[in-house]
PDB file of N, CA and C in Angstrom:
ATOM      1  N   MET A   1      30.160 -24.197  -4.773  1.00  0.00           N
ATOM      2  CA  MET A   1      28.731 -24.158  -4.609  1.00  0.00           C
ATOM      3  C   MET A   1      28.081 -24.862  -5.781  1.00  0.00           C
ATOM      4  N   GLY A   2      26.882 -25.306  -5.591  1.00  0.00           N
ATOM      5  CA  GLY A   2      26.072 -25.859  -6.664  1.00  0.00           C
ATOM      6  C   GLY A   2      24.848 -24.989  -6.850  1.00  0.00           C
ATOM      7  N   VAL A   3      24.293 -25.020  -8.049  1.00  0.00           N
ATOM      8  CA  VAL A   3      23.123 -24.191  -8.352  1.00  0.00           C
ATOM      9  C   VAL A   3      22.118 -25.037  -9.122  1.00  0.00           C
ATOM     10  N   SER A   4      20.848 -24.918  -8.750  1.00  0.00           N
ATOM     11  CA  SER A   4      19.785 -25.600  -9.495  1.00  0.00           C
ATOM     12  C   SER A   4      18.526 -24.750  -9.466  1.00  0.00           C
ATOM     13  N   PHE A   5      17.521 -25.210 -10.181  1.00  0.00           N
ATOM     14  CA  PHE A   5      16.240 -24.514 -10.203  1.00  0.00           C
ATOM     15  C   PHE A   5      15.332 -24.962  -9.060  1.00  0.00           C
ATOM     16  N   ASP A   6      15.744 -25.973  -8.311  1.00  0.00           N
ATOM     17  CA  ASP A   6      14.919 -26.515  -7.232  1.00  0.00           C
ATOM     18  C   ASP A   6      14.786 -25.525  -6.080  1.00  0.00           C
ATOM     19  N   GLU A   7      13.729 -25.689  -5.316  1.00  0.00           N
ATOM     20  CA  GLU A   7      13.509 -24.869  -4.131  1.00  0.00           C
ATOM     21  C   GLU A   7      14.628 -25.126  -3.114  1.00  0.00           C
ATOM     22  N   PRO A   8      14.949 -24.137  -2.277  1.00  0.00           N
ATOM     23  CA  PRO A   8      16.016 -24.306  -1.285  1.00  0.00           C
ATOM     24  C   PRO A   8      15.853 -25.546  -0.408  1.00  0.00           C
ATOM     25  N   SER A   9      14.635 -25.860   0.018  1.00  0.00           N
ATOM     26  CA  SER A   9      14.440 -27.028   0.880  1.00  0.00           C
ATOM     27  C   SER A   9      14.773 -28.324   0.135  1.00  0.00           C
ATOM     28  N   ALA A  10      14.442 -28.393  -1.136  1.00  0.00           N
ATOM     29  CA  ALA A  10      14.771 -29.578  -1.934  1.00  0.00           C
ATOM     30  C   ALA A  10      16.283 -29.679  -2.133  1.00  0.00           C
ATOM     31  N   ASN A  11      16.937 -28.546  -2.383  1.00  0.00           N
ATOM     32  CA  ASN A  11      18.397 -28.547  -2.520  1.00  0.00           C
ATOM     33  C   ASN A  11      19.071 -29.019  -1.239  1.00  0.00           C
ATOM     34  N   GLN A  12      18.588 -28.525  -0.106  1.00  0.00           N
ATOM     35  CA  GLN A  12      19.185 -28.902   1.170  1.00  0.00           C
ATOM     36  C   GLN A  12      19.001 -30.393   1.439  1.00  0.00           C
ATOM     37  N   ALA A  13      17.818 -30.908   1.189  1.00  0.00           N
ATOM     38  CA  ALA A  13      17.557 -32.333   1.419  1.00  0.00           C
ATOM     39  C   ALA A  13      18.447 -33.190   0.540  1.00  0.00           C
ATOM     40  N   TRP A  14      18.602 -32.808  -0.724  1.00  0.00           N
ATOM     41  CA  TRP A  14      19.440 -33.579  -1.645  1.00  0.00           C
ATOM     42  C   TRP A  14      20.907 -33.527  -1.225  1.00  0.00           C
ATOM     43  N   ALA A  15      21.390 -32.342  -0.818  1.00  0.00           N
ATOM     44  CA  ALA A  15      22.774 -32.204  -0.384  1.00  0.00           C
ATOM     45  C   ALA A  15      23.046 -33.068   0.847  1.00  0.00           C
ATOM     46  N   GLU A  16      22.109 -33.085   1.771  1.00  0.00           N
ATOM     47  CA  GLU A  16      22.272 -33.916   2.968  1.00  0.00           C
ATOM     48  C   GLU A  16      22.267 -35.397   2.607  1.00  0.00           C
ATOM     49  N   GLU A  17      21.381 -35.785   1.704  1.00  0.00           N
ATOM     50  CA  GLU A  17      21.293 -37.179   1.271  1.00  0.00           C
ATOM     51  C   GLU A  17      22.589 -37.639   0.604  1.00  0.00           C
ATOM     52  N   GLU A  18      23.197 -36.749  -0.182  1.00  0.00           N
ATOM     53  CA  GLU A  18      24.437 -37.079  -0.902  1.00  0.00           C
ATOM     54  C   GLU A  18      25.687 -36.867  -0.045  1.00  0.00           C
ATOM     55  N   GLY A  19      25.533 -36.208   1.097  1.00  0.00           N
ATOM     56  CA  GLY A  19      26.676 -35.936   1.965  1.00  0.00           C
ATOM     57  C   GLY A  19      27.544 -34.784   1.480  1.00  0.00           C
ATOM     58  N   TYR A  20      26.984 -33.873   0.669  1.00  0.00           N
ATOM     59  CA  TYR A  20      27.750 -32.741   0.164  1.00  0.00           C
ATOM     60  C   TYR A  20      27.985 -31.724   1.267  1.00  0.00           C
ATOM     61  N   LEU A  21      29.166 -31.129   1.252  1.00  0.00           N
ATOM     62  CA  LEU A  21      29.534 -30.142   2.261  1.00  0.00           C
ATOM     63  C   LEU A  21      29.618 -28.734   1.680  1.00  0.00           C
ATOM     64  N   PHE A  22      29.095 -28.547   0.478  1.00  0.00           N
ATOM     65  CA  PHE A  22      29.103 -27.218  -0.129  1.00  0.00           C
ATOM     66  C   PHE A  22      27.679 -26.698  -0.249  1.00  0.00           C
ATOM     67  N   ASP A  23      27.560 -25.394  -0.425  1.00  0.00           N
ATOM     68  CA  ASP A  23      26.252 -24.752  -0.540  1.00  0.00           C
ATOM     69  C   ASP A  23      25.578 -25.089  -1.864  1.00  0.00           C
ATOM     70  N   LEU A  24      24.271 -25.216  -1.828  1.00  0.00           N
ATOM     71  CA  LEU A  24      23.465 -25.337  -3.038  1.00  0.00           C
ATOM     72  C   LEU A  24      22.545 -24.132  -3.093  1.00  0.00           C
ATOM     73  N   TRP A  25      22.632 -23.384  -4.176  1.00  0.00           N
ATOM     74  CA  TRP A  25      21.822 -22.185  -4.360  1.00  0.00           C
ATOM     75  C   TRP A  25      20.665 -22.474  -5.284  1.00  0.00           C
ATOM     76  N   THR A  26      19.613 -21.698  -5.145  1.00  0.00           N
ATOM     77  CA  THR A  26      18.450 -21.785  -6.028  1.00  0.00           C
ATOM     78  C   THR A  26      18.499 -20.642  -7.034  1.00  0.00           C
ATOM     79  N   ASP A  27      18.430 -21.003  -8.307  1.00  0.00           N
ATOM     80  CA  ASP A  27      18.447 -20.039  -9.412  1.00  0.00           C
ATOM     81  C   ASP A  27      17.045 -20.006 -10.015  1.00  0.00           C
ATOM     82  N   ASP A  28      16.089 -19.509  -9.232  1.00  0.00           N
ATOM     83  CA  ASP A  28      14.695 -19.593  -9.654  1.00  0.00           C
ATOM     84  C   ASP A  28      14.359 -18.721 -10.865  1.00  0.00           C
ATOM     85  N   ASP A  29      15.122 -17.671 -11.108  1.00  0.00           N
ATOM     86  CA  ASP A  29      14.860 -16.868 -12.307  1.00  0.00           C
ATOM     87  C   ASP A  29      15.799 -17.233 -13.462  1.00  0.00           C
ATOM     88  N   LYS A  30      16.663 -18.221 -13.227  1.00  0.00           N
ATOM     89  CA  LYS A  30      17.552 -18.811 -14.242  1.00  0.00           C
ATOM     90  C   LYS A  30      18.644 -17.865 -14.738  1.00  0.00           C
ATOM     91  N   THR A  31      18.920 -16.823 -13.982  1.00  0.00           N
ATOM     92  CA  THR A  31      19.940 -15.851 -14.367  1.00  0.00           C
ATOM     93  C   THR A  31      21.313 -16.493 -14.518  1.00  0.00           C
ATOM     94  N   LEU A  32      21.732 -17.254 -13.506  1.00  0.00           N
ATOM     95  CA  LEU A  32      23.051 -17.896 -13.576  1.00  0.00           C
ATOM     96  C   LEU A  32      23.104 -18.941 -14.676  1.00  0.00           C
ATOM     97  N   ALA A  33      22.063 -19.731 -14.806  1.00  0.00           N
ATOM     98  CA  ALA A  33      22.035 -20.777 -15.830  1.00  0.00           C
ATOM     99  C   ALA A  33      22.146 -20.186 -17.232  1.00  0.00           C
ATOM    100  N   LEU A  34      21.454 -19.102 -17.467  1.00  0.00           N
ATOM    101  CA  LEU A  34      21.530 -18.447 -18.774  1.00  0.00           C
ATOM    102  C   LEU A  34      22.913 -17.839 -19.003  1.00  0.00           C
ATOM    103  N   TYR A  35      23.453 -17.183 -17.995  1.00  0.00           N
ATOM    104  CA  TYR A  35      24.751 -16.529 -18.126  1.00  0.00           C
ATOM    105  C   TYR A  35      25.874 -17.530 -18.407  1.00  0.00           C
ATOM    106  N   TYR A  36      25.877 -18.650 -17.685  1.00  0.00           N
ATOM    107  CA  TYR A  36      26.968 -19.614 -17.816  1.00  0.00           C
ATOM    108  C   TYR A  36      26.682 -20.741 -18.813  1.00  0.00           C
ATOM    109  N   GLY A  37      25.530 -20.725 -19.449  1.00  0.00           N
ATOM    110  CA  GLY A  37      25.257 -21.685 -20.509  1.00  0.00           C
ATOM    111  C   GLY A  37      24.631 -22.992 -20.072  1.00  0.00           C
ATOM    112  N   ALA A  38      24.018 -23.032 -18.899  1.00  0.00           N
ATOM    113  CA  ALA A  38      23.363 -24.251 -18.431  1.00  0.00           C
ATOM    114  C   ALA A  38      21.902 -24.307 -18.852  1.00  0.00           C
ATOM    115  N   ALA A  39      21.410 -23.231 -19.458  1.00  0.00           N
ATOM    116  CA  ALA A  39      20.028 -23.177 -19.949  1.00  0.00           C
ATOM    117  C   ALA A  39      20.010 -22.362 -21.239  1.00  0.00           C
ATOM    118  N   GLU A  40      19.136 -22.764 -22.148  1.00  0.00           N
ATOM    119  CA  GLU A  40      19.028 -22.054 -23.424  1.00  0.00           C
ATOM    120  C   GLU A  40      18.027 -20.899 -23.365  1.00  0.00           C
ATOM    121  N   SER A  41      17.054 -20.991 -22.447  1.00  0.00           N
ATOM    122  CA  SER A  41      16.069 -19.925 -22.317  1.00  0.00           C
ATOM    123  C   SER A  41      15.500 -19.947 -20.905  1.00  0.00           C
ATOM    124  N   ASP A  42      14.730 -18.922 -20.578  1.00  0.00           N
ATOM    125  CA  ASP A  42      14.129 -18.883 -19.238  1.00  0.00           C
ATOM    126  C   ASP A  42      12.962 -19.864 -19.113  1.00  0.00           C
ATOM    127  N   ARG A  43      12.654 -20.574 -20.194  1.00  0.00           N
ATOM    128  CA  ARG A  43      11.617 -21.616 -20.149  1.00  0.00           C
ATOM    129  C   ARG A  43      12.212 -23.011 -19.916  1.00  0.00           C
ATOM    130  N   THR A  44      13.539 -23.092 -19.859  1.00  0.00           N
ATOM    131  CA  THR A  44      14.199 -24.364 -19.584  1.00  0.00           C
ATOM    132  C   THR A  44      13.760 -24.864 -18.208  1.00  0.00           C
ATOM    133  N   THR A  45      13.371 -26.129 -18.124  1.00  0.00           N
ATOM    134  CA  THR A  45      12.880 -26.654 -16.853  1.00  0.00           C
ATOM    135  C   THR A  45      13.961 -27.349 -16.020  1.00  0.00           C
ATOM    136  N   VAL A  46      15.003 -27.847 -16.677  1.00  0.00           N
ATOM    137  CA  VAL A  46      16.104 -28.515 -15.980  1.00  0.00           C
ATOM    138  C   VAL A  46      17.416 -27.990 -16.558  1.00  0.00           C
ATOM    139  N   ALA A  47      18.272 -27.497 -15.701  1.00  0.00           N
ATOM    140  CA  ALA A  47      19.562 -26.972 -16.159  1.00  0.00           C
ATOM    141  C   ALA A  47      20.483 -28.107 -16.579  1.00  0.00           C
ATOM    142  N   ASP A  48      21.318 -27.844 -17.583  1.00  0.00           N
ATOM    143  CA  ASP A  48      22.364 -28.799 -17.946  1.00  0.00           C
ATOM    144  C   ASP A  48      23.346 -28.881 -16.787  1.00  0.00           C
ATOM    145  N   ARG A  49      23.936 -30.050 -16.614  1.00  0.00           N
ATOM    146  CA  ARG A  49      24.949 -30.213 -15.565  1.00  0.00           C
ATOM    147  C   ARG A  49      26.284 -29.763 -16.124  1.00  0.00           C
ATOM    148  N   ILE A  50      26.690 -28.591 -15.684  1.00  0.00           N
ATOM    149  CA  ILE A  50      27.970 -28.023 -16.084  1.00  0.00           C
ATOM    150  C   ILE A  50      28.688 -27.557 -14.829  1.00  0.00           C
ATOM    151  N   THR A  51      29.992 -27.303 -14.969  1.00  0.00           N
ATOM    152  CA  THR A  51      30.776 -26.729 -13.883  1.00  0.00           C
ATOM    153  C   THR A  51      31.617 -25.612 -14.454  1.00  0.00           C
ATOM    154  N   ARG A  52      31.671 -24.514 -13.730  1.00  0.00           N
ATOM    155  CA  ARG A  52      32.546 -23.403 -14.073  1.00  0.00           C
ATOM    156  C   ARG A  52      33.388 -23.091 -12.848  1.00  0.00           C
ATOM    157  N   LEU A  53      34.696 -23.102 -13.025  1.00  0.00           N
ATOM    158  CA  LEU A  53      35.622 -22.737 -11.953  1.00  0.00           C
ATOM    159  C   LEU A  53      36.015 -21.287 -12.184  1.00  0.00           C
ATOM    160  N   LEU A  54      35.701 -20.443 -11.199  1.00  0.00           N
ATOM    161  CA  LEU A  54      35.943 -19.014 -11.318  1.00  0.00           C
ATOM    162  C   LEU A  54      37.135 -18.578 -10.489  1.00  0.00           C
ATOM    163  N   GLY A  55      37.869 -17.624 -11.010  1.00  0.00           N
ATOM    164  CA  GLY A  55      38.971 -17.026 -10.271  1.00  0.00           C
ATOM    165  C   GLY A  55      38.460 -15.968  -9.310  1.00  0.00           C
ATOM    166  N   ASP A  56      39.350 -15.410  -8.524  1.00  0.00           N
ATOM    167  CA  ASP A  56      38.987 -14.363  -7.566  1.00  0.00           C
ATOM    168  C   ASP A  56      38.316 -13.176  -8.240  1.00  0.00           C
ATOM    169  N   ASP A  57      38.678 -12.916  -9.489  1.00  0.00           N
ATOM    170  CA  ASP A  57      38.130 -11.773 -10.222  1.00  0.00           C
ATOM    171  C   ASP A  57      36.836 -12.109 -10.958  1.00  0.00           C
ATOM    172  N   GLY A  58      36.353 -13.357 -10.812  1.00  0.00           N
ATOM    173  CA  GLY A  58      35.122 -13.779 -11.473  1.00  0.00           C
ATOM    174  C   GLY A  58      35.319 -14.335 -12.869  1.00  0.00           C
ATOM    175  N   ALA A  59      36.542 -14.302 -13.367  1.00  0.00           N
ATOM    176  CA  ALA A  59      36.825 -14.849 -14.695  1.00  0.00           C
ATOM    177  C   ALA A  59      36.731 -16.374 -14.663  1.00  0.00           C
ATOM    178  N   VAL A  60      36.221 -16.946 -15.735  1.00  0.00           N
ATOM    179  CA  VAL A  60      36.116 -18.398 -15.835  1.00  0.00           C
ATOM    180  C   VAL A  60      37.504 -18.976 -16.113  1.00  0.00           C
ATOM    181  N   LEU A  61      37.979 -19.842 -15.208  1.00  0.00           N
ATOM    182  CA  LEU A  61      39.288 -20.480 -15.359  1.00  0.00           C
ATOM    183  C   LEU A  61      39.181 -21.824 -16.053  1.00  0.00           C
ATOM    184  N   LEU A  62      38.171 -22.603 -15.702  1.00  0.00           N
ATOM    185  CA  LEU A  62      37.959 -23.919 -16.298  1.00  0.00           C
ATOM    186  C   LEU A  62      36.479 -24.119 -16.545  1.00  0.00           C
ATOM    187  N   GLU A  63      36.162 -24.832 -17.625  1.00  0.00           N
ATOM    188  CA  GLU A  63      34.784 -25.147 -17.956  1.00  0.00           C
ATOM    189  C   GLU A  63      34.644 -26.658 -18.136  1.00  0.00           C
ATOM    190  N   TYR A  64      33.604 -27.200 -17.560  1.00  0.00           N
ATOM    191  CA  TYR A  64      33.278 -28.615 -17.688  1.00  0.00           C
ATOM    192  C   TYR A  64      31.846 -28.689 -18.203  1.00  0.00           C
ATOM    193  N   ASP A  65      31.685 -29.163 -19.429  1.00  0.00           N
ATOM    194  CA  ASP A  65      30.347 -29.182 -20.029  1.00  0.00           C
ATOM    195  C   ASP A  65      29.674 -30.544 -19.990  1.00  0.00           C
ATOM    196  N   ASP A  66      30.380 -31.569 -19.575  1.00  0.00           N
ATOM    197  CA  ASP A  66      29.812 -32.916 -19.477  1.00  0.00           C
ATOM    198  C   ASP A  66      30.083 -33.422 -18.066  1.00  0.00           C
ATOM    199  N   VAL A  67      29.189 -33.094 -17.134  1.00  0.00           N
ATOM    200  CA  VAL A  67      29.437 -33.319 -15.709  1.00  0.00           C
ATOM    201  C   VAL A  67      28.632 -34.499 -15.176  1.00  0.00           C
ATOM    202  N   ASN A  68      29.329 -35.361 -14.466  1.00  0.00           N
ATOM    203  CA  ASN A  68      28.705 -36.437 -13.705  1.00  0.00           C
ATOM    204  C   ASN A  68      28.827 -36.017 -12.243  1.00  0.00           C
ATOM    205  N   TYR A  69      27.695 -35.736 -11.599  1.00  0.00           N
ATOM    206  CA  TYR A  69      27.761 -35.154 -10.252  1.00  0.00           C
ATOM    207  C   TYR A  69      28.424 -36.060  -9.227  1.00  0.00           C
ATOM    208  N   SER A  70      28.535 -37.354  -9.507  1.00  0.00           N
ATOM    209  CA  SER A  70      29.181 -38.232  -8.530  1.00  0.00           C
ATOM    210  C   SER A  70      30.706 -38.251  -8.675  1.00  0.00           C
ATOM    211  N   THR A  71      31.235 -37.905  -9.839  1.00  0.00           N
ATOM    212  CA  THR A  71      32.690 -37.907 -10.025  1.00  0.00           C
ATOM    213  C   THR A  71      33.276 -36.514 -10.245  1.00  0.00           C
ATOM    214  N   SER A  72      32.450 -35.554 -10.596  1.00  0.00           N
ATOM    215  CA  SER A  72      32.940 -34.218 -10.926  1.00  0.00           C
ATOM    216  C   SER A  72      33.707 -33.540  -9.795  1.00  0.00           C
ATOM    217  N   PRO A  73      33.261 -33.608  -8.547  1.00  0.00           N
ATOM    218  CA  PRO A  73      34.036 -32.934  -7.497  1.00  0.00           C
ATOM    219  C   PRO A  73      35.493 -33.396  -7.447  1.00  0.00           C
ATOM    220  N   GLN A  74      35.730 -34.683  -7.608  1.00  0.00           N
ATOM    221  CA  GLN A  74      37.104 -35.189  -7.596  1.00  0.00           C
ATOM    222  C   GLN A  74      37.872 -34.712  -8.824  1.00  0.00           C
ATOM    223  N   ASP A  75      37.223 -34.698  -9.983  1.00  0.00           N
ATOM    224  CA  ASP A  75      37.865 -34.210 -11.212  1.00  0.00           C
ATOM    225  C   ASP A  75      38.283 -32.752 -11.064  1.00  0.00           C
ATOM    226  N   VAL A  76      37.391 -31.933 -10.537  1.00  0.00           N
ATOM    227  CA  VAL A  76      37.677 -30.504 -10.362  1.00  0.00           C
ATOM    228  C   VAL A  76      38.800 -30.316  -9.339  1.00  0.00           C
ATOM    229  N   LEU A  77      38.764 -31.066  -8.251  1.00  0.00           N
ATOM    230  CA  LEU A  77      39.820 -30.973  -7.240  1.00  0.00           C
ATOM    231  C   LEU A  77      41.182 -31.306  -7.840  1.00  0.00           C
ATOM    232  N   GLU A  78      41.249 -32.363  -8.639  1.00  0.00           N
ATOM    233  CA  GLU A  78      42.518 -32.738  -9.268  1.00  0.00           C
ATOM    234  C   GLU A  78      43.004 -31.649 -10.217  1.00  0.00           C
ATOM    235  N   ASP A  79      42.096 -31.046 -10.971  1.00  0.00           N
ATOM    236  CA  ASP A  79      42.495 -29.946 -11.869  1.00  0.00           C
ATOM    237  C   ASP A  79      42.962 -28.740 -11.076  1.00  0.00           C
ATOM    238  N   CYS A  80      42.293 -28.446  -9.954  1.00  0.00           N
ATOM    239  CA  CYS A  80      42.719 -27.331  -9.101  1.00  0.00           C
ATOM    240  C   CYS A  80      44.099 -27.589  -8.526  1.00  0.00           C
ATOM    241  N   GLN A  81      44.373 -28.810  -8.114  1.00  0.00           N
ATOM    242  CA  GLN A  81      45.692 -29.136  -7.597  1.00  0.00           C
ATOM    243  C   GLN A  81      46.752 -28.971  -8.667  1.00  0.00           C
ATOM    244  N   ALA A  82      46.442 -29.360  -9.902  1.00  0.00           N
ATOM    245  CA  ALA A  82      47.388 -29.192 -11.004  1.00  0.00           C
ATOM    246  C   ALA A  82      47.625 -27.709 -11.310  1.00  0.00           C
ATOM    247  N   LEU A  83      46.557 -26.904 -11.246  1.00  0.00           N
ATOM    248  CA  LEU A  83      46.667 -25.471 -11.554  1.00  0.00           C
ATOM    249  C   LEU A  83      47.327 -24.669 -10.443  1.00  0.00           C
ATOM    250  N   PHE A  84      46.934 -24.949  -9.205  1.00  0.00           N
ATOM    251  CA  PHE A  84      47.305 -24.096  -8.081  1.00  0.00           C
ATOM    252  C   PHE A  84      48.268 -24.747  -7.109  1.00  0.00           C
ATOM    253  N   GLY A  85      48.636 -25.993  -7.344  1.00  0.00           N
ATOM    254  CA  GLY A  85      49.509 -26.697  -6.420  1.00  0.00           C
ATOM    255  C   GLY A  85      48.688 -27.417  -5.368  1.00  0.00           C
ATOM    256  N   GLY A  86      49.352 -28.066  -4.444  1.00  0.00           N
ATOM    257  CA  GLY A  86      48.685 -28.829  -3.400  1.00  0.00           C
ATOM    258  C   GLY A  86      47.725 -27.976  -2.610  1.00  0.00           C
ATOM    259  N   LEU A  87      46.537 -28.536  -2.364  1.00  0.00           N
ATOM    260  CA  LEU A  87      45.519 -27.823  -1.583  1.00  0.00           C
ATOM    261  C   LEU A  87      45.364 -28.450  -0.223  1.00  0.00           C
TER     262      LEU A  87
END
């Protein structure tokens, strides 16, 4: 999933434009951004582009702090294949 501060309709339009097949959530109160380090305060207007790969138990398995949204999905997939075997 992806998360941003944008309204759900804006997230949906952007996901369709980019051809993404995963959910985009709206973090309007910035709870997730603050928890995972994508925002420094609740006054942050744009979240940092980061990725956190979580295990079944919610523990952070991998962290990506310098994310390029056009290449990151492939990078994460390759790391998942290395960690968990062929997907």
